[in-house]
Amino acid sequence: DKVTLLRRVVKNLSNEREILLDNKRIKYPILIDDVAKGLIEVIKENLRGIFHFSSQDALTKFEFGLEVAKVFGFNKSLVRGMPMEESISIPKPYKIELVDTRLQKLNFLGVRKGLSIVKEQILEHVGDIKRAYA
């Protein structure tokens, strides 16, 4: 399985281990269900071009980790934030917001609602959060 940020955070927090996350670079996380909804709309409307799917919520990885802790009921004090050093030779910008007005009518979910859906899906299909990310 691919190691995603969500997987890393849930695995650490469900095992009551501290996790250190970047609190500098801004991201716009989106629920994969919303990406699928966007792609269906692109196909249905026969749209052309490059599309950017993202939530309206601007969060650092640290803030995302705190949201995961809140939604999943984990100890928020285990989520620690600090600015991470650049791991590549070319520095990246700290905030990139790609706005695509062609699909605004879809109203993609916010991070908290998206995480709630993920939690519900895990509990429905696996039955236990900790076992899902073991």
C-alpha atoms as a PDB file:
ATOM      1  CA  ASP A   1       0.000   0.000   0.000  1.00  0.00           C
ATOM      2  CA  LYS A   2       1.122   3.515  -0.793  1.00  0.00           C
ATOM      3  CA  VAL A   3       2.278   5.470   2.247  1.00  0.00           C
ATOM      4  CA  THR A   4       0.086   8.571   2.197  1.00  0.00           C
ATOM      5  CA  LEU A   5       0.113  11.378   4.722  1.00  0.00           C
ATOM      6  CA  LEU A   6      -3.232  10.182   6.096  1.00  0.00           C
ATOM      7  CA  ARG A   7      -1.925   6.626   6.467  1.00  0.00           C
ATOM      8  CA  ARG A   8       1.227   7.867   8.245  1.00  0.00           C
ATOM      9  CA  VAL A   9      -0.711  10.087  10.637  1.00  0.00           C
ATOM     10  CA  VAL A  10      -3.361   7.487  11.502  1.00  0.00           C
ATOM     11  CA  LYS A  11      -0.786   4.722  11.951  1.00  0.00           C
ATOM     12  CA  ASN A  12       1.306   6.819  14.330  1.00  0.00           C
ATOM     13  CA  LEU A  13      -1.573   8.281  16.311  1.00  0.00           C
ATOM     14  CA  SER A  14      -3.482   4.990  16.602  1.00  0.00           C
ATOM     15  CA  ASN A  15      -0.316   3.488  18.109  1.00  0.00           C
ATOM     16  CA  GLU A  16       0.041   6.532  20.391  1.00  0.00           C
ATOM     17  CA  ARG A  17       3.297   7.592  18.737  1.00  0.00           C
ATOM     18  CA  GLU A  18       4.248  11.219  18.184  1.00  0.00           C
ATOM     19  CA  ILE A  19       4.423  12.456  14.610  1.00  0.00           C
ATOM     20  CA  LEU A  20       6.414  15.462  13.404  1.00  0.00           C
ATOM     21  CA  LEU A  21       4.870  17.296  10.456  1.00  0.00           C
ATOM     22  CA  ASP A  22       5.796  20.339   8.391  1.00  0.00           C
ATOM     23  CA  ASN A  23       4.006  23.487   9.532  1.00  0.00           C
ATOM     24  CA  LYS A  24       5.246  25.787   6.787  1.00  0.00           C
ATOM     25  CA  ARG A  25       4.226  24.596   3.312  1.00  0.00           C
ATOM     26  CA  ILE A  26       0.520  25.017   2.461  1.00  0.00           C
ATOM     27  CA  LYS A  27      -1.428  22.227   0.752  1.00  0.00           C
ATOM     28  CA  TYR A  28      -5.024  21.897  -0.487  1.00  0.00           C
ATOM     29  CA  PRO A  29      -5.960  18.263   0.261  1.00  0.00           C
ATOM     30  CA  ILE A  30      -8.950  16.775  -1.525  1.00  0.00           C
ATOM     31  CA  LEU A  31     -10.979  13.625  -1.001  1.00  0.00           C
ATOM     32  CA  ILE A  32     -10.402  11.121  -3.825  1.00  0.00           C
ATOM     33  CA  ASP A  33     -14.191  10.770  -4.143  1.00  0.00           C
ATOM     34  CA  ASP A  34     -14.274  14.465  -5.115  1.00  0.00           C
ATOM     35  CA  VAL A  35     -11.560  13.912  -7.733  1.00  0.00           C
ATOM     36  CA  ALA A  36     -13.695  11.121  -9.203  1.00  0.00           C
ATOM     37  CA  LYS A  37     -16.738  13.429  -9.159  1.00  0.00           C
ATOM     38  CA  GLY A  38     -14.701  16.073 -10.995  1.00  0.00           C
ATOM     39  CA  LEU A  39     -13.479  13.608 -13.615  1.00  0.00           C
ATOM     40  CA  ILE A  40     -17.016  12.373 -14.253  1.00  0.00           C
ATOM     41  CA  GLU A  41     -18.133  15.972 -14.804  1.00  0.00           C
ATOM     42  CA  VAL A  42     -15.223  16.621 -17.199  1.00  0.00           C
ATOM     43  CA  ILE A  43     -16.185  13.547 -19.230  1.00  0.00           C
ATOM     44  CA  LYS A  44     -19.926  14.211 -19.086  1.00  0.00           C
ATOM     45  CA  GLU A  45     -19.512  17.834 -20.229  1.00  0.00           C
ATOM     46  CA  ASN A  46     -16.866  16.837 -22.821  1.00  0.00           C
ATOM     47  CA  LEU A  47     -14.516  19.459 -21.390  1.00  0.00           C
ATOM     48  CA  ARG A  48     -10.958  19.842 -22.657  1.00  0.00           C
ATOM     49  CA  GLY A  49      -7.758  21.084 -21.085  1.00  0.00           C
ATOM     50  CA  ILE A  50      -5.903  20.772 -17.824  1.00  0.00           C
ATOM     51  CA  PHE A  51      -7.963  20.717 -14.641  1.00  0.00           C
ATOM     52  CA  HIS A  52      -6.957  21.376 -11.049  1.00  0.00           C
ATOM     53  CA  PHE A  53      -8.941  19.616  -8.346  1.00  0.00           C
ATOM     54  CA  SER A  54      -8.432  20.808  -4.781  1.00  0.00           C
ATOM     55  CA  SER A  55     -10.393  21.649  -1.678  1.00  0.00           C
ATOM     56  CA  GLN A  56     -10.893  25.208  -0.530  1.00  0.00           C
ATOM     57  CA  ASP A  57      -9.083  24.387   2.726  1.00  0.00           C
ATOM     58  CA  ALA A  58      -5.492  25.614   2.883  1.00  0.00           C
ATOM     59  CA  LEU A  59      -3.579  23.578   5.472  1.00  0.00           C
ATOM     60  CA  THR A  60      -0.033  22.674   6.368  1.00  0.00           C
ATOM     61  CA  LYS A  61       0.713  18.993   6.953  1.00  0.00           C
ATOM     62  CA  PHE A  62       0.762  19.822  10.672  1.00  0.00           C
ATOM     63  CA  GLU A  63      -2.729  21.349  10.507  1.00  0.00           C
ATOM     64  CA  PHE A  64      -3.908  18.338   8.492  1.00  0.00           C
ATOM     65  CA  GLY A  65      -2.522  16.055  11.201  1.00  0.00           C
ATOM     66  CA  LEU A  66      -4.461  17.987  13.837  1.00  0.00           C
ATOM     67  CA  GLU A  67      -7.659  17.612  11.774  1.00  0.00           C
ATOM     68  CA  VAL A  68      -7.049  13.860  11.496  1.00  0.00           C
ATOM     69  CA  ALA A  69      -6.594  13.660  15.268  1.00  0.00           C
ATOM     70  CA  LYS A  70      -9.859  15.575  15.853  1.00  0.00           C
ATOM     71  CA  VAL A  71     -11.972  13.581  13.394  1.00  0.00           C
ATOM     72  CA  PHE A  72     -10.552  10.166  14.325  1.00  0.00           C
ATOM     73  CA  GLY A  73     -10.530  10.873  18.074  1.00  0.00           C
ATOM     74  CA  PHE A  74      -6.766  10.644  18.618  1.00  0.00           C
ATOM     75  CA  ASN A  75      -4.579  12.565  21.041  1.00  0.00           C
ATOM     76  CA  LYS A  76      -3.828  15.931  19.347  1.00  0.00           C
ATOM     77  CA  SER A  77      -0.767  16.498  21.541  1.00  0.00           C
ATOM     78  CA  LEU A  78       1.015  13.718  19.636  1.00  0.00           C
ATOM     79  CA  VAL A  79       0.950  15.892  16.493  1.00  0.00           C
ATOM     80  CA  ARG A  80       3.991  18.165  16.466  1.00  0.00           C
ATOM     81  CA  GLY A  81       4.814  20.829  13.912  1.00  0.00           C
ATOM     82  CA  MET A  82       8.005  22.421  12.684  1.00  0.00           C
ATOM     83  CA  PRO A  83       9.235  23.934   9.427  1.00  0.00           C
ATOM     84  CA  MET A  84      10.960  21.166   7.487  1.00  0.00           C
ATOM     85  CA  GLU A  85      14.227  21.683   5.706  1.00  0.00           C
ATOM     86  CA  GLU A  86      14.193  21.446   1.933  1.00  0.00           C
ATOM     87  CA  SER A  87      14.967  17.857   0.950  1.00  0.00           C
ATOM     88  CA  ILE A  88      15.706  18.718  -2.656  1.00  0.00           C
ATOM     89  CA  SER A  89      18.188  21.068  -4.265  1.00  0.00           C
ATOM     90  CA  ILE A  90      15.497  23.272  -5.829  1.00  0.00           C
ATOM     91  CA  PRO A  91      13.306  24.915  -3.183  1.00  0.00           C
ATOM     92  CA  LYS A  92       9.537  24.728  -3.632  1.00  0.00           C
ATOM     93  CA  PRO A  93       7.143  27.626  -3.030  1.00  0.00           C
ATOM     94  CA  TYR A  94       5.378  27.533   0.329  1.00  0.00           C
ATOM     95  CA  LYS A  95       1.886  28.141  -1.005  1.00  0.00           C
ATOM     96  CA  ILE A  96       0.521  27.307  -4.424  1.00  0.00           C
ATOM     97  CA  GLU A  97      -3.177  27.710  -4.999  1.00  0.00           C
ATOM     98  CA  LEU A  98      -4.397  26.457  -8.350  1.00  0.00           C
ATOM     99  CA  VAL A  99      -7.834  27.907  -9.009  1.00  0.00           C
ATOM    100  CA  ASP A 100      -9.995  26.284 -11.671  1.00  0.00           C
ATOM    101  CA  THR A 101     -13.341  28.076 -12.076  1.00  0.00           C
ATOM    102  CA  ARG A 102     -14.723  25.647 -14.665  1.00  0.00           C
ATOM    103  CA  LEU A 103     -15.803  23.146 -12.005  1.00  0.00           C
ATOM    104  CA  GLN A 104     -16.667  25.454  -9.097  1.00  0.00           C
ATOM    105  CA  LYS A 105     -20.272  24.295  -9.204  1.00  0.00           C
ATOM    106  CA  LEU A 106     -19.168  20.899  -7.852  1.00  0.00           C
ATOM    107  CA  ASN A 107     -18.435  22.336  -4.394  1.00  0.00           C
ATOM    108  CA  PHE A 108     -15.755  19.884  -3.327  1.00  0.00           C
ATOM    109  CA  LEU A 109     -15.899  18.905   0.336  1.00  0.00           C
ATOM    110  CA  GLY A 110     -13.723  20.477   2.971  1.00  0.00           C
ATOM    111  CA  VAL A 111     -11.005  18.535   4.761  1.00  0.00           C
ATOM    112  CA  ARG A 112     -12.962  17.814   7.951  1.00  0.00           C
ATOM    113  CA  LYS A 113     -15.989  16.436   6.063  1.00  0.00           C
ATOM    114  CA  GLY A 114     -13.688  14.439   3.765  1.00  0.00           C
ATOM    115  CA  LEU A 115     -11.871  12.897   6.739  1.00  0.00           C
ATOM    116  CA  SER A 116     -15.232  12.031   8.310  1.00  0.00           C
ATOM    117  CA  ILE A 117     -16.183  10.148   5.154  1.00  0.00           C
ATOM    118  CA  VAL A 118     -12.851   8.294   5.108  1.00  0.00           C
ATOM    119  CA  LYS A 119     -13.338   7.315   8.753  1.00  0.00           C
ATOM    120  CA  GLU A 120     -16.863   6.044   8.035  1.00  0.00           C
ATOM    121  CA  GLN A 121     -15.598   4.052   5.033  1.00  0.00           C
ATOM    122  CA  ILE A 122     -12.824   2.456   7.090  1.00  0.00           C
ATOM    123  CA  LEU A 123     -15.187   1.494   9.894  1.00  0.00           C
ATOM    124  CA  GLU A 124     -17.721   0.109   7.412  1.00  0.00           C
ATOM    125  CA  HIS A 125     -15.228  -2.005   5.436  1.00  0.00           C
ATOM    126  CA  VAL A 126     -12.546  -2.887   7.997  1.00  0.00           C
ATOM    127  CA  GLY A 127     -14.294  -2.318  11.303  1.00  0.00           C
ATOM    128  CA  ASP A 128     -11.263  -0.940  13.122  1.00  0.00           C
ATOM    129  CA  ILE A 129      -9.124   2.131  12.376  1.00  0.00           C
ATOM    130  CA  LYS A 130      -5.923   0.712  13.866  1.00  0.00           C
ATOM    131  CA  ARG A 131      -6.219  -2.555  11.921  1.00  0.00           C
ATOM    132  CA  ALA A 132      -6.884  -0.679   8.668  1.00  0.00           C
ATOM    133  CA  TYR A 133      -3.480   1.009   8.834  1.00  0.00           C
ATOM    134  CA  ALA A 134      -1.449  -1.729  10.541  1.00  0.00           C
END
